[in-house]
Amino acid sequence: MGLLLLVLPGLAPAQVLTDPAAQQTVQRVLDNIYSMEFTQADEQIRQIRARYPQHPIGPILLATKLELQFVPIHENPAAKAQFIQAVGQGLDLSKRLLDRNDKDPEGIFFALTAHSYLAALYNNQNETIKAVGESRKSYGYLKDGFRLMDKNPDFYFTTGLYNYYVERYPIDHPVVRPFMVFFDDGDMALGLKQMEIAAKRALFMRAGANYYLAHVLLKHETQPGRAVVFTKYLADKYPNNPLFGMINAEALLLAGRYAEARPYVQRLKQMSNRQLLPLAVYTFDGILAEQADRDDKEAASAYQAALRQPVNAAYTKEYQAMAYAGLARIAARSNNQQTAKLYYKKALAVAQYKSLIREARGK
């Protein structure tokens, strides 16, 4: 490795995300990943791994690609195995960077990213103990990132997410309050501001920052109009991405911007992901029929069709709740209060969005 650094001083392992040429290369890879251009991304990742063999950027980019290419990846055993292997390689290389310098910003960032990827995977598989274990392993790196935002703007995302959720989570789950004494205090307003900075300035986490900030604004803050700023950026920049397309159509619909939402819903119908999209598309069709077209018969048909589709807990469960709520509203307008209560009860069983929970509870 010493010989490599003498020959290629600009390619030192800890300088990838601060080298302008490398930044452009990484951005091109990420753009291809989020554009669902996986063949091009594969070739670029191979080149990066050949050029930076001792840096975690290559394996972590591969894991990022696999997660989106095979979404939901936890339902694909072969892809999941490749994902876990890539994350493990990225984590090992991150630790090597930290063995040389325990304050290395990129070593910290990619170790945090690796543990976060595994925590999300295990959470989606309902393996709570494993997910918590990975989260605990990431906490030290997360705290290190608090002081590194000026060196790597990607840390604005991880720091902002922490500042928001360390305060929000015990509000939603009071049973955990006694355990929160072990965590540094957060600040939800500051967390939102930090995530917004990441949405504009981050490199590796820019798309993720836009996506998760929009999710927070939809789920917790009930600010769909504000969320559209971030979802529309993603959907317009990456028009073939089903996750970005879904959250953008959702935000526009919840903001009451039905005319703007229609072409995005139509675009989703042209995409090929049969595991996630049918439930979302039928639900969105139902909302358009109900709220924009005032056609309860057509809306009820779409909502019922949505409820016959497979549900993915990580990505489409809330759309199931929206379909139940839509049927409840239609029943209420038909003066069928018992049916409305039944559908709202079903919505409450799966809903997580604050606005939907308030509606179902009649508050």
Foldseek 3Di string as FASTA:
>chain_A
DVVLCVVCVCQPQLCQCVDVVSLVLLLVLVLCLLLVVVVVNVVSLVVVCVSNVLHLPSLLSVLSSLVQNDVVQLVPVVSVVSNLVSLVVSLVSLVVVCVVPVLRLRSLVSNLVSLCVQLVSCVLVVVNVSNVVSVVVNVVSLVSLVVCCVVAVLNLLSQLVCLQCLVVVCVVVVVCVVVSVVDDHHHNVSSLVSLVSLCPDHRPCNLVSLLVSLVCCFAPVVCLVVNLVSLVVSCVSRVQRLLSLLSNLVSCLSVVVLVVSVVSLVSLVPHDPQQARLLSSLLSQLSCCVPVVVNLVSNLVSLVSSCVGHDRLVRCLLSVLSSLQSVLVSCVVVVNNVSSLVSLVVSCVRHRGPVSVCVSVVD
